[in-house]
PDB file of N, CA and C in Angstrom:
ATOM      1  N   MET A   1     -20.779  -0.416   1.897  1.00  0.00           N
ATOM      2  CA  MET A   1     -19.919   0.421   2.130  1.00  0.00           C
ATOM      3  C   MET A   1     -19.913   0.457   4.192  1.00  0.00           C
ATOM      4  N   GLU A   2     -20.811   0.223   4.620  1.00  0.00           N
ATOM      5  CA  GLU A   2     -20.290  -0.337   5.914  1.00  0.00           C
ATOM      6  C   GLU A   2     -19.638  -1.382   6.224  1.00  0.00           C
ATOM      7  N   ARG A   3     -19.673  -2.065   5.370  1.00  0.00           N
ATOM      8  CA  ARG A   3     -18.746  -3.195   5.307  1.00  0.00           C
ATOM      9  C   ARG A   3     -17.571  -2.662   5.275  1.00  0.00           C
ATOM     10  N   ILE A   4     -17.119  -2.042   4.366  1.00  0.00           N
ATOM     11  CA  ILE A   4     -15.821  -1.350   4.237  1.00  0.00           C
ATOM     12  C   ILE A   4     -15.240  -0.574   5.398  1.00  0.00           C
ATOM     13  N   VAL A   5     -16.233   0.151   5.197  1.00  0.00           N
ATOM     14  CA  VAL A   5     -15.760   1.050   7.108  1.00  0.00           C
ATOM     15  C   VAL A   5     -15.324  -0.044   8.072  1.00  0.00           C
ATOM     16  N   GLU A   6     -16.320  -1.225   8.339  1.00  0.00           N
ATOM     17  CA  GLU A   6     -15.933  -2.246   9.410  1.00  0.00           C
ATOM     18  C   GLU A   6     -14.156  -2.596   9.408  1.00  0.00           C
ATOM     19  N   ARG A   7     -14.503  -3.561   7.669  1.00  0.00           N
ATOM     20  CA  ARG A   7     -13.023  -4.193   7.263  1.00  0.00           C
ATOM     21  C   ARG A   7     -11.762  -2.778   7.995  1.00  0.00           C
ATOM     22  N   TRP A   8     -12.416  -1.455   7.524  1.00  0.00           N
ATOM     23  CA  TRP A   8     -11.294  -0.471   7.485  1.00  0.00           C
ATOM     24  C   TRP A   8     -10.215  -0.430   9.022  1.00  0.00           C
ATOM     25  N   ARG A   9     -12.074  -0.498   9.722  1.00  0.00           N
ATOM     26  CA  ARG A   9     -11.255   0.020  11.656  1.00  0.00           C
ATOM     27  C   ARG A   9     -10.744  -1.298  11.632  1.00  0.00           C
ATOM     28  N   ASN A  10     -10.906  -2.752  11.418  1.00  0.00           N
ATOM     29  CA  ASN A  10      -9.822  -3.972  11.455  1.00  0.00           C
ATOM     30  C   ASN A  10      -8.544  -3.372  11.490  1.00  0.00           C
ATOM     31  N   VAL A  11      -8.469  -2.787  10.381  1.00  0.00           N
ATOM     32  CA  VAL A  11      -7.021  -2.915   9.693  1.00  0.00           C
ATOM     33  C   VAL A  11      -6.519  -1.861  10.463  1.00  0.00           C
ATOM     34  N   GLU A  12      -7.040  -0.461  10.737  1.00  0.00           N
ATOM     35  CA  GLU A  12      -6.428   0.775  12.212  1.00  0.00           C
ATOM     36  C   GLU A  12      -6.365  -0.240  13.488  1.00  0.00           C
ATOM     37  N   ALA A  13      -7.294  -1.193  13.588  1.00  0.00           N
ATOM     38  CA  ALA A  13      -7.094  -1.771  15.033  1.00  0.00           C
ATOM     39  C   ALA A  13      -5.994  -2.524  15.467  1.00  0.00           C
ATOM     40  N   LEU A  14      -5.690  -3.427  14.444  1.00  0.00           N
ATOM     41  CA  LEU A  14      -4.871  -4.345  13.741  1.00  0.00           C
ATOM     42  C   LEU A  14      -2.992  -3.184  14.393  1.00  0.00           C
ATOM     43  N   LEU A  15      -3.113  -2.086  13.339  1.00  0.00           N
ATOM     44  CA  LEU A  15      -2.042  -1.628  13.119  1.00  0.00           C
ATOM     45  C   LEU A  15      -1.882  -0.411  14.535  1.00  0.00           C
ATOM     46  N   LEU A  16      -2.702  -0.193  15.071  1.00  0.00           N
ATOM     47  CA  LEU A  16      -2.659   0.211  16.522  1.00  0.00           C
ATOM     48  C   LEU A  16      -2.297  -0.777  17.469  1.00  0.00           C
ATOM     49  N   GLU A  17      -2.401  -1.875  17.400  1.00  0.00           N
ATOM     50  CA  GLU A  17      -1.881  -2.608  18.293  1.00  0.00           C
ATOM     51  C   GLU A  17      -0.715  -2.921  18.309  1.00  0.00           C
ATOM     52  N   ARG A  18       0.340  -2.834  17.094  1.00  0.00           N
ATOM     53  CA  ARG A  18       1.133  -3.206  16.317  1.00  0.00           C
ATOM     54  C   ARG A  18       2.047  -2.121  16.311  1.00  0.00           C
ATOM     55  N   PHE A  19       1.818  -0.582  16.122  1.00  0.00           N
ATOM     56  CA  PHE A  19       2.559   0.417  16.801  1.00  0.00           C
ATOM     57  C   PHE A  19       1.789   1.422  17.447  1.00  0.00           C
ATOM     58  N   GLY A  20       1.147   1.093  18.108  1.00  0.00           N
ATOM     59  CA  GLY A  20       0.506   2.584  19.077  1.00  0.00           C
ATOM     60  C   GLY A  20       0.209   3.626  18.563  1.00  0.00           C
ATOM     61  N   LYS A  21       0.045   2.918  17.539  1.00  0.00           N
ATOM     62  CA  LYS A  21      -1.145   4.704  16.581  1.00  0.00           C
ATOM     63  C   LYS A  21      -1.597   3.904  15.312  1.00  0.00           C
ATOM     64  N   ILE A  22      -2.708   4.732  15.132  1.00  0.00           N
ATOM     65  CA  ILE A  22      -3.376   4.541  13.831  1.00  0.00           C
ATOM     66  C   ILE A  22      -2.599   5.599  12.895  1.00  0.00           C
ATOM     67  N   PRO A  23      -1.691   5.392  11.961  1.00  0.00           N
ATOM     68  CA  PRO A  23      -1.723   5.565  10.657  1.00  0.00           C
ATOM     69  C   PRO A  23      -2.479   6.313   9.533  1.00  0.00           C
ATOM     70  N   ASP A  24      -2.742   7.354   8.709  1.00  0.00           N
ATOM     71  CA  ASP A  24      -3.302   7.629   8.204  1.00  0.00           C
ATOM     72  C   ASP A  24      -3.112   6.532   6.519  1.00  0.00           C
ATOM     73  N   LEU A  25      -3.906   6.896   5.590  1.00  0.00           N
ATOM     74  CA  LEU A  25      -3.141   6.326   4.194  1.00  0.00           C
ATOM     75  C   LEU A  25      -2.347   5.834   3.583  1.00  0.00           C
ATOM     76  N   GLN A  26      -1.592   7.556   4.082  1.00  0.00           N
ATOM     77  CA  GLN A  26      -0.268   7.333   3.089  1.00  0.00           C
ATOM     78  C   GLN A  26       0.906   6.840   4.107  1.00  0.00           C
ATOM     79  N   GLY A  27       0.432   6.902   5.218  1.00  0.00           N
ATOM     80  CA  GLY A  27       1.288   6.069   6.174  1.00  0.00           C
ATOM     81  C   GLY A  27       1.214   4.702   6.208  1.00  0.00           C
ATOM     82  N   ILE A  28       0.187   3.909   6.070  1.00  0.00           N
ATOM     83  CA  ILE A  28      -0.076   2.648   5.933  1.00  0.00           C
ATOM     84  C   ILE A  28       0.559   2.513   4.244  1.00  0.00           C
ATOM     85  N   LEU A  29       0.323   2.845   3.136  1.00  0.00           N
ATOM     86  CA  LEU A  29       1.326   2.859   2.076  1.00  0.00           C
ATOM     87  C   LEU A  29       2.744   2.536   2.495  1.00  0.00           C
ATOM     88  N   TYR A  30       3.272   3.578   2.694  1.00  0.00           N
ATOM     89  CA  TYR A  30       4.493   3.387   3.734  1.00  0.00           C
ATOM     90  C   TYR A  30       5.179   2.746   4.333  1.00  0.00           C
ATOM     91  N   LEU A  31       4.039   2.088   5.184  1.00  0.00           N
ATOM     92  CA  LEU A  31       4.562   0.354   5.686  1.00  0.00           C
ATOM     93  C   LEU A  31       4.872  -0.980   5.127  1.00  0.00           C
ATOM     94  N   ILE A  32       3.508  -0.982   3.791  1.00  0.00           N
ATOM     95  CA  ILE A  32       3.606  -1.888   3.191  1.00  0.00           C
ATOM     96  C   ILE A  32       4.767  -1.548   2.254  1.00  0.00           C
ATOM     97  N   GLY A  33       5.336   0.012   1.725  1.00  0.00           N
ATOM     98  CA  GLY A  33       6.471  -0.200   1.197  1.00  0.00           C
ATOM     99  C   GLY A  33       7.856  -0.638   1.473  1.00  0.00           C
ATOM    100  N   ILE A  34       7.551  -0.357   2.641  1.00  0.00           N
ATOM    101  CA  ILE A  34       8.667  -0.661   3.557  1.00  0.00           C
ATOM    102  C   ILE A  34       9.032  -2.379   3.757  1.00  0.00           C
ATOM    103  N   ASN A  35       7.621  -2.752   3.950  1.00  0.00           N
ATOM    104  CA  ASN A  35       7.413  -4.480   3.884  1.00  0.00           C
ATOM    105  C   ASN A  35       8.076  -5.075   2.733  1.00  0.00           C
ATOM    106  N   GLU A  36       7.544  -4.539   1.372  1.00  0.00           N
ATOM    107  CA  GLU A  36       7.236  -5.434   0.731  1.00  0.00           C
ATOM    108  C   GLU A  36       9.235  -5.205  -0.010  1.00  0.00           C
ATOM    109  N   VAL A  37       8.977  -4.328   0.081  1.00  0.00           N
ATOM    110  CA  VAL A  37      10.966  -3.782  -0.420  1.00  0.00           C
ATOM    111  C   VAL A  37      11.904  -4.178   0.621  1.00  0.00           C
ATOM    112  N   ALA A  38      11.787  -5.001   2.110  1.00  0.00           N
ATOM    113  CA  ALA A  38      12.312  -5.506   2.974  1.00  0.00           C
ATOM    114  C   ALA A  38      13.360  -4.961   3.387  1.00  0.00           C
ATOM    115  N   VAL A  39      13.138  -3.385   3.758  1.00  0.00           N
ATOM    116  CA  VAL A  39      14.472  -2.813   3.870  1.00  0.00           C
ATOM    117  C   VAL A  39      13.999  -2.151   6.078  1.00  0.00           C
ATOM    118  N   ASP A  40      15.215  -1.467   6.058  1.00  0.00           N
ATOM    119  CA  ASP A  40      14.627  -1.471   7.716  1.00  0.00           C
ATOM    120  C   ASP A  40      14.029  -0.488   7.579  1.00  0.00           C
ATOM    121  N   PRO A  41      12.820  -0.870   8.789  1.00  0.00           N
ATOM    122  CA  PRO A  41      11.742   0.172   8.970  1.00  0.00           C
ATOM    123  C   PRO A  41      12.698   1.905   9.436  1.00  0.00           C
ATOM    124  N   ALA A  42      13.532   1.036  10.518  1.00  0.00           N
ATOM    125  CA  ALA A  42      14.368   2.465  11.256  1.00  0.00           C
ATOM    126  C   ALA A  42      15.061   2.913   9.891  1.00  0.00           C
ATOM    127  N   GLY A  43      15.527   2.517   9.050  1.00  0.00           N
ATOM    128  CA  GLY A  43      16.216   3.252   8.628  1.00  0.00           C
ATOM    129  C   GLY A  43      15.843   5.072   7.935  1.00  0.00           C
ATOM    130  N   LYS A  44      17.297   5.928   7.479  1.00  0.00           N
ATOM    131  CA  LYS A  44      16.833   6.710   7.081  1.00  0.00           C
ATOM    132  C   LYS A  44      16.603   7.289   5.859  1.00  0.00           C
ATOM    133  N   PHE A  45      15.553   7.619   5.110  1.00  0.00           N
ATOM    134  CA  PHE A  45      15.016   7.107   3.562  1.00  0.00           C
ATOM    135  C   PHE A  45      14.674   9.304   3.300  1.00  0.00           C
ATOM    136  N   THR A  46      15.246   9.136   2.355  1.00  0.00           N
ATOM    137  CA  THR A  46      15.153  11.103   1.633  1.00  0.00           C
ATOM    138  C   THR A  46      13.485  11.029   1.397  1.00  0.00           C
ATOM    139  N   LYS A  47      13.245  11.998   0.854  1.00  0.00           N
ATOM    140  CA  LYS A  47      11.706  12.485   0.793  1.00  0.00           C
ATOM    141  C   LYS A  47      11.531  11.278  -0.704  1.00  0.00           C
ATOM    142  N   GLU A  48      12.414  11.199  -1.628  1.00  0.00           N
ATOM    143  CA  GLU A  48      11.955  10.664  -2.833  1.00  0.00           C
ATOM    144  C   GLU A  48      11.923   9.475  -2.564  1.00  0.00           C
ATOM    145  N   GLN A  49      12.884   8.389  -1.642  1.00  0.00           N
ATOM    146  CA  GLN A  49      12.850   7.073  -1.495  1.00  0.00           C
ATOM    147  C   GLN A  49      11.613   6.944  -0.742  1.00  0.00           C
ATOM    148  N   LYS A  50      10.785   7.740  -0.004  1.00  0.00           N
ATOM    149  CA  LYS A  50       9.380   7.310   1.020  1.00  0.00           C
ATOM    150  C   LYS A  50       8.527   6.948  -0.091  1.00  0.00           C
ATOM    151  N   GLN A  51       8.886   8.371  -1.125  1.00  0.00           N
ATOM    152  CA  GLN A  51       7.646   8.512  -2.456  1.00  0.00           C
ATOM    153  C   GLN A  51       7.827   7.102  -3.023  1.00  0.00           C
ATOM    154  N   ASP A  52       8.786   6.794  -3.017  1.00  0.00           N
ATOM    155  CA  ASP A  52       9.571   5.444  -4.142  1.00  0.00           C
ATOM    156  C   ASP A  52       8.606   4.395  -3.108  1.00  0.00           C
ATOM    157  N   LEU A  53       8.865   4.016  -2.016  1.00  0.00           N
ATOM    158  CA  LEU A  53       8.362   2.987  -1.175  1.00  0.00           C
ATOM    159  C   LEU A  53       6.690   3.002  -1.326  1.00  0.00           C
ATOM    160  N   MET A  54       5.825   3.960  -1.498  1.00  0.00           N
ATOM    161  CA  MET A  54       4.483   4.453  -1.047  1.00  0.00           C
ATOM    162  C   MET A  54       4.375   3.774  -2.700  1.00  0.00           C
ATOM    163  N   HIS A  55       5.240   4.423  -3.834  1.00  0.00           N
ATOM    164  CA  HIS A  55       4.779   3.813  -5.388  1.00  0.00           C
ATOM    165  C   HIS A  55       4.863   2.013  -5.137  1.00  0.00           C
ATOM    166  N   VAL A  56       5.900   1.910  -4.717  1.00  0.00           N
ATOM    167  CA  VAL A  56       6.080  -0.237  -4.877  1.00  0.00           C
ATOM    168  C   VAL A  56       4.481  -0.527  -4.201  1.00  0.00           C
ATOM    169  N   ALA A  57       4.094   0.383  -3.042  1.00  0.00           N
ATOM    170  CA  ALA A  57       2.785  -0.067  -1.845  1.00  0.00           C
ATOM    171  C   ALA A  57       1.502  -0.353  -2.807  1.00  0.00           C
ATOM    172  N   VAL A  58       1.684   0.970  -3.691  1.00  0.00           N
ATOM    173  CA  VAL A  58       0.339   1.357  -4.519  1.00  0.00           C
ATOM    174  C   VAL A  58       0.500   0.190  -5.745  1.00  0.00           C
ATOM    175  N   CYS A  59       1.349   0.006  -5.983  1.00  0.00           N
ATOM    176  CA  CYS A  59       1.705  -1.346  -7.766  1.00  0.00           C
ATOM    177  C   CYS A  59       1.534  -2.579  -6.672  1.00  0.00           C
ATOM    178  N   THR A  60       2.158  -2.806  -5.406  1.00  0.00           N
ATOM    179  CA  THR A  60       1.587  -4.273  -5.013  1.00  0.00           C
ATOM    180  C   THR A  60       0.058  -4.459  -5.066  1.00  0.00           C
ATOM    181  N   LEU A  61      -0.708  -3.371  -4.314  1.00  0.00           N
ATOM    182  CA  LEU A  61      -1.938  -3.292  -3.925  1.00  0.00           C
ATOM    183  C   LEU A  61      -2.816  -3.742  -4.888  1.00  0.00           C
ATOM    184  N   LEU A  62      -2.194  -3.083  -6.237  1.00  0.00           N
ATOM    185  CA  LEU A  62      -3.523  -3.117  -7.024  1.00  0.00           C
ATOM    186  C   LEU A  62      -2.876  -4.089  -8.452  1.00  0.00           C
ATOM    187  N   GLU A  63      -1.684  -4.506  -8.134  1.00  0.00           N
ATOM    188  CA  GLU A  63      -1.207  -5.903  -8.815  1.00  0.00           C
ATOM    189  C   GLU A  63      -2.131  -6.936  -8.731  1.00  0.00           C
ATOM    190  N   LYS A  64      -2.726  -6.985  -7.229  1.00  0.00           N
ATOM    191  CA  LYS A  64      -3.492  -7.905  -7.264  1.00  0.00           C
ATOM    192  C   LYS A  64      -5.093  -7.604  -7.857  1.00  0.00           C
ATOM    193  N   GLU A  65      -5.098  -6.878  -8.354  1.00  0.00           N
ATOM    194  CA  GLU A  65      -6.115  -6.008  -8.761  1.00  0.00           C
ATOM    195  C   GLU A  65      -6.813  -6.696 -10.233  1.00  0.00           C
ATOM    196  N   GLY A  66      -5.336  -6.379 -10.698  1.00  0.00           N
ATOM    197  CA  GLY A  66      -4.727  -6.631 -12.217  1.00  0.00           C
ATOM    198  C   GLY A  66      -4.765  -5.470 -13.354  1.00  0.00           C
ATOM    199  N   PHE A  67      -4.209  -4.839 -12.308  1.00  0.00           N
ATOM    200  CA  PHE A  67      -4.165  -3.140 -12.288  1.00  0.00           C
ATOM    201  C   PHE A  67      -2.095  -3.338 -13.289  1.00  0.00           C
ATOM    202  N   PHE A  68      -1.215  -3.724 -12.227  1.00  0.00           N
ATOM    203  CA  PHE A  68      -0.263  -3.730 -12.488  1.00  0.00           C
ATOM    204  C   PHE A  68       0.365  -5.334 -12.715  1.00  0.00           C
ATOM    205  N   GLU A  69       1.454  -5.332 -13.270  1.00  0.00           N
ATOM    206  CA  GLU A  69       2.210  -7.083 -13.139  1.00  0.00           C
ATOM    207  C   GLU A  69       3.634  -6.964 -12.638  1.00  0.00           C
ATOM    208  N   PHE A  70       3.989  -7.756 -11.245  1.00  0.00           N
ATOM    209  CA  PHE A  70       5.216  -7.368 -11.137  1.00  0.00           C
ATOM    210  C   PHE A  70       6.507  -7.910 -11.996  1.00  0.00           C
ATOM    211  N   THR A  71       6.995  -7.342 -12.346  1.00  0.00           N
ATOM    212  CA  THR A  71       8.331  -7.805 -13.670  1.00  0.00           C
ATOM    213  C   THR A  71       9.635  -7.890 -13.251  1.00  0.00           C
ATOM    214  N   GLY A  72       9.790  -7.789 -11.935  1.00  0.00           N
ATOM    215  CA  GLY A  72      11.195  -8.548 -11.097  1.00  0.00           C
ATOM    216  C   GLY A  72      11.800  -7.362 -10.177  1.00  0.00           C
ATOM    217  N   ARG A  73      12.866  -7.672  -9.408  1.00  0.00           N
ATOM    218  CA  ARG A  73      14.108  -6.947  -8.749  1.00  0.00           C
ATOM    219  C   ARG A  73      15.063  -6.423  -9.462  1.00  0.00           C
ATOM    220  N   ASP A  74      15.338  -5.129  -8.994  1.00  0.00           N
ATOM    221  CA  ASP A  74      16.778  -4.898  -9.081  1.00  0.00           C
ATOM    222  C   ASP A  74      18.009  -4.795  -8.349  1.00  0.00           C
ATOM    223  N   GLY A  75      18.926  -4.878  -8.663  1.00  0.00           N
ATOM    224  CA  GLY A  75      20.407  -5.003  -8.085  1.00  0.00           C
ATOM    225  C   GLY A  75      19.989  -5.001  -6.683  1.00  0.00           C
ATOM    226  N   ASP A  76      19.221  -3.292  -6.363  1.00  0.00           N
ATOM    227  CA  ASP A  76      19.035  -3.326  -4.755  1.00  0.00           C
ATOM    228  C   ASP A  76      17.698  -3.957  -4.249  1.00  0.00           C
ATOM    229  N   GLY A  77      16.831  -4.889  -4.919  1.00  0.00           N
ATOM    230  CA  GLY A  77      16.409  -5.339  -4.267  1.00  0.00           C
ATOM    231  C   GLY A  77      14.892  -4.696  -4.316  1.00  0.00           C
ATOM    232  N   TRP A  78      14.735  -3.724  -5.182  1.00  0.00           N
ATOM    233  CA  TRP A  78      13.504  -2.902  -4.986  1.00  0.00           C
ATOM    234  C   TRP A  78      12.785  -3.898  -6.450  1.00  0.00           C
ATOM    235  N   PRO A  79      11.317  -4.052  -5.803  1.00  0.00           N
ATOM    236  CA  PRO A  79      10.477  -4.647  -6.953  1.00  0.00           C
ATOM    237  C   PRO A  79       9.898  -3.361  -8.170  1.00  0.00           C
ATOM    238  N   HIS A  80       9.591  -4.007  -9.021  1.00  0.00           N
ATOM    239  CA  HIS A  80       9.120  -3.022 -10.023  1.00  0.00           C
ATOM    240  C   HIS A  80       8.194  -3.888 -10.911  1.00  0.00           C
ATOM    241  N   PHE A  81       7.392  -3.312 -11.487  1.00  0.00           N
ATOM    242  CA  PHE A  81       6.121  -2.891 -11.871  1.00  0.00           C
ATOM    243  C   PHE A  81       5.973  -2.667 -13.651  1.00  0.00           C
ATOM    244  N   LYS A  82       5.163  -3.515 -14.169  1.00  0.00           N
ATOM    245  CA  LYS A  82       4.296  -2.267 -15.691  1.00  0.00           C
ATOM    246  C   LYS A  82       3.201  -2.549 -15.379  1.00  0.00           C
ATOM    247  N   GLN A  83       2.852  -1.149 -15.584  1.00  0.00           N
ATOM    248  CA  GLN A  83       1.040  -1.026 -15.507  1.00  0.00           C
ATOM    249  C   GLN A  83       0.382  -1.285 -16.345  1.00  0.00           C
ATOM    250  N   LEU A  84      -0.751  -2.362 -16.145  1.00  0.00           N
ATOM    251  CA  LEU A  84      -1.022  -2.555 -17.316  1.00  0.00           C
ATOM    252  C   LEU A  84      -2.675  -2.052 -17.730  1.00  0.00           C
ATOM    253  N   LYS A  85      -3.201  -1.824 -16.597  1.00  0.00           N
ATOM    254  CA  LYS A  85      -4.764  -0.441 -17.480  1.00  0.00           C
ATOM    255  C   LYS A  85      -4.805   0.493 -15.922  1.00  0.00           C
ATOM    256  N   GLN A  86      -5.418   1.294 -16.207  1.00  0.00           N
ATOM    257  CA  GLN A  86      -5.742   2.198 -15.467  1.00  0.00           C
ATOM    258  C   GLN A  86      -6.610   1.711 -14.839  1.00  0.00           C
ATOM    259  N   PRO A  87      -7.124   1.916 -13.366  1.00  0.00           N
ATOM    260  CA  PRO A  87      -7.967   2.033 -12.821  1.00  0.00           C
ATOM    261  C   PRO A  87      -9.024   2.879 -13.401  1.00  0.00           C
ATOM    262  N   ASP A  88     -10.326   2.322 -13.512  1.00  0.00           N
ATOM    263  CA  ASP A  88     -11.534   3.336 -13.833  1.00  0.00           C
ATOM    264  C   ASP A  88     -12.413   4.016 -12.561  1.00  0.00           C
ATOM    265  N   VAL A  89     -11.641   4.577 -11.629  1.00  0.00           N
ATOM    266  CA  VAL A  89     -12.136   5.220 -10.466  1.00  0.00           C
ATOM    267  C   VAL A  89     -12.274   6.529 -10.750  1.00  0.00           C
ATOM    268  N   PRO A  90     -13.699   7.323 -10.442  1.00  0.00           N
ATOM    269  CA  PRO A  90     -14.079   8.877 -10.193  1.00  0.00           C
ATOM    270  C   PRO A  90     -13.187   9.268  -8.987  1.00  0.00           C
ATOM    271  N   GLY A  91     -12.499  10.110  -9.430  1.00  0.00           N
ATOM    272  CA  GLY A  91     -12.012  11.248  -8.470  1.00  0.00           C
ATOM    273  C   GLY A  91     -11.439  10.546  -6.971  1.00  0.00           C
ATOM    274  N   LEU A  92     -10.744  11.429  -6.198  1.00  0.00           N
ATOM    275  CA  LEU A  92      -9.686  11.358  -5.391  1.00  0.00           C
ATOM    276  C   LEU A  92     -10.321  10.197  -3.918  1.00  0.00           C
ATOM    277  N   ILE A  93     -11.363  10.486  -4.360  1.00  0.00           N
ATOM    278  CA  ILE A  93     -12.668   9.844  -3.122  1.00  0.00           C
ATOM    279  C   ILE A  93     -12.658   8.122  -3.922  1.00  0.00           C
ATOM    280  N   GLY A  94     -12.813   7.938  -5.147  1.00  0.00           N
ATOM    281  CA  GLY A  94     -12.550   6.543  -5.679  1.00  0.00           C
ATOM    282  C   GLY A  94     -11.749   6.134  -6.027  1.00  0.00           C
ATOM    283  N   GLN A  95     -10.741   6.482  -5.753  1.00  0.00           N
ATOM    284  CA  GLN A  95      -8.971   6.223  -5.345  1.00  0.00           C
ATOM    285  C   GLN A  95      -9.238   5.875  -3.718  1.00  0.00           C
ATOM    286  N   GLU A  96      -9.713   7.156  -3.517  1.00  0.00           N
ATOM    287  CA  GLU A  96      -8.781   6.216  -1.971  1.00  0.00           C
ATOM    288  C   GLU A  96      -9.714   5.015  -1.215  1.00  0.00           C
ATOM    289  N   LEU A  97     -11.105   4.709  -1.983  1.00  0.00           N
ATOM    290  CA  LEU A  97     -11.770   3.627  -1.211  1.00  0.00           C
ATOM    291  C   LEU A  97     -11.165   2.699  -2.257  1.00  0.00           C
ATOM    292  N   LEU A  98     -10.730   2.454  -3.500  1.00  0.00           N
ATOM    293  CA  LEU A  98     -10.009   1.439  -4.104  1.00  0.00           C
ATOM    294  C   LEU A  98      -9.165   0.888  -3.236  1.00  0.00           C
ATOM    295  N   LEU A  99      -7.886   1.690  -3.189  1.00  0.00           N
ATOM    296  CA  LEU A  99      -6.687   1.533  -2.049  1.00  0.00           C
ATOM    297  C   LEU A  99      -7.040   1.507  -0.597  1.00  0.00           C
ATOM    298  N   LYS A 100      -7.879   1.823  -0.006  1.00  0.00           N
ATOM    299  CA  LYS A 100      -8.121   1.390   1.289  1.00  0.00           C
ATOM    300  C   LYS A 100      -9.093  -0.712   0.939  1.00  0.00           C
ATOM    301  N   GLU A 101      -9.871  -0.654   0.077  1.00  0.00           N
ATOM    302  CA  GLU A 101     -10.476  -1.916  -0.385  1.00  0.00           C
ATOM    303  C   GLU A 101      -9.014  -2.969  -0.494  1.00  0.00           C
ATOM    304  N   CYS A 102      -8.315  -2.707  -0.976  1.00  0.00           N
ATOM    305  CA  CYS A 102      -7.446  -3.177  -1.054  1.00  0.00           C
ATOM    306  C   CYS A 102      -5.796  -3.874  -0.221  1.00  0.00           C
ATOM    307  N   VAL A 103      -5.802  -2.247   0.515  1.00  0.00           N
ATOM    308  CA  VAL A 103      -5.417  -2.950   1.978  1.00  0.00           C
ATOM    309  C   VAL A 103      -6.486  -3.532   2.947  1.00  0.00           C
ATOM    310  N   ILE A 104      -7.079  -3.694   2.733  1.00  0.00           N
ATOM    311  CA  ILE A 104      -7.798  -4.180   3.944  1.00  0.00           C
ATOM    312  C   ILE A 104      -7.392  -5.871   3.416  1.00  0.00           C
ATOM    313  N   LYS A 105      -7.680  -6.311   1.794  1.00  0.00           N
ATOM    314  CA  LYS A 105      -7.143  -7.791   1.475  1.00  0.00           C
ATOM    315  C   LYS A 105      -5.838  -7.528   2.175  1.00  0.00           C
ATOM    316  N   TYR A 106      -4.929  -6.803   1.733  1.00  0.00           N
ATOM    317  CA  TYR A 106      -3.438  -6.993   1.889  1.00  0.00           C
ATOM    318  C   TYR A 106      -3.430  -7.726   3.597  1.00  0.00           C
ATOM    319  N   PHE A 107      -4.090  -7.050   4.580  1.00  0.00           N
ATOM    320  CA  PHE A 107      -4.071  -7.317   5.383  1.00  0.00           C
ATOM    321  C   PHE A 107      -4.955  -8.549   5.958  1.00  0.00           C
ATOM    322  N   GLY A 108      -5.556  -9.169   5.006  1.00  0.00           N
ATOM    323  CA  GLY A 108      -6.234 -10.302   5.342  1.00  0.00           C
ATOM    324  C   GLY A 108      -7.789  -9.894   6.412  1.00  0.00           C
ATOM    325  N   GLN A 109      -8.465  -8.501   6.047  1.00  0.00           N
ATOM    326  CA  GLN A 109      -9.602  -8.067   6.831  1.00  0.00           C
ATOM    327  C   GLN A 109     -10.353  -8.536   6.512  1.00  0.00           C
TER     328      GLN A 109
END
C-alpha cells in the first residue's frame, strides 16, 4: 500500500509541474480522456461530453488490465470499447484503488 501512495504522489508531482495544480482523480480521468480522444483541452465541452471523456479514460485504463477491448474509432475520432469482464473489486474504495494503480501505470510511475 505504501508503494502505491508513493507512486501516486509521483503522478501528482508530475501533474503539478505540468498544470500548476493537482487535479483530483476525476480531473485526472478527464485529462486522460482529452489525451486519448486528442481534442483541444481548451475547447468547450458539455457535461455529457465531459462524462464521455472520463468514460474513455476509464476504458483506456482498464483495457490494459484486460477488462475492455478497443474496438475502433467513430467518425469523430472517439475511441470505442467492448467490456470483456467486470472488475472484481469491492466497493468504491477498491474501485478507486484500481483506477489509481492504472493511472500510475499510464503515467509510467
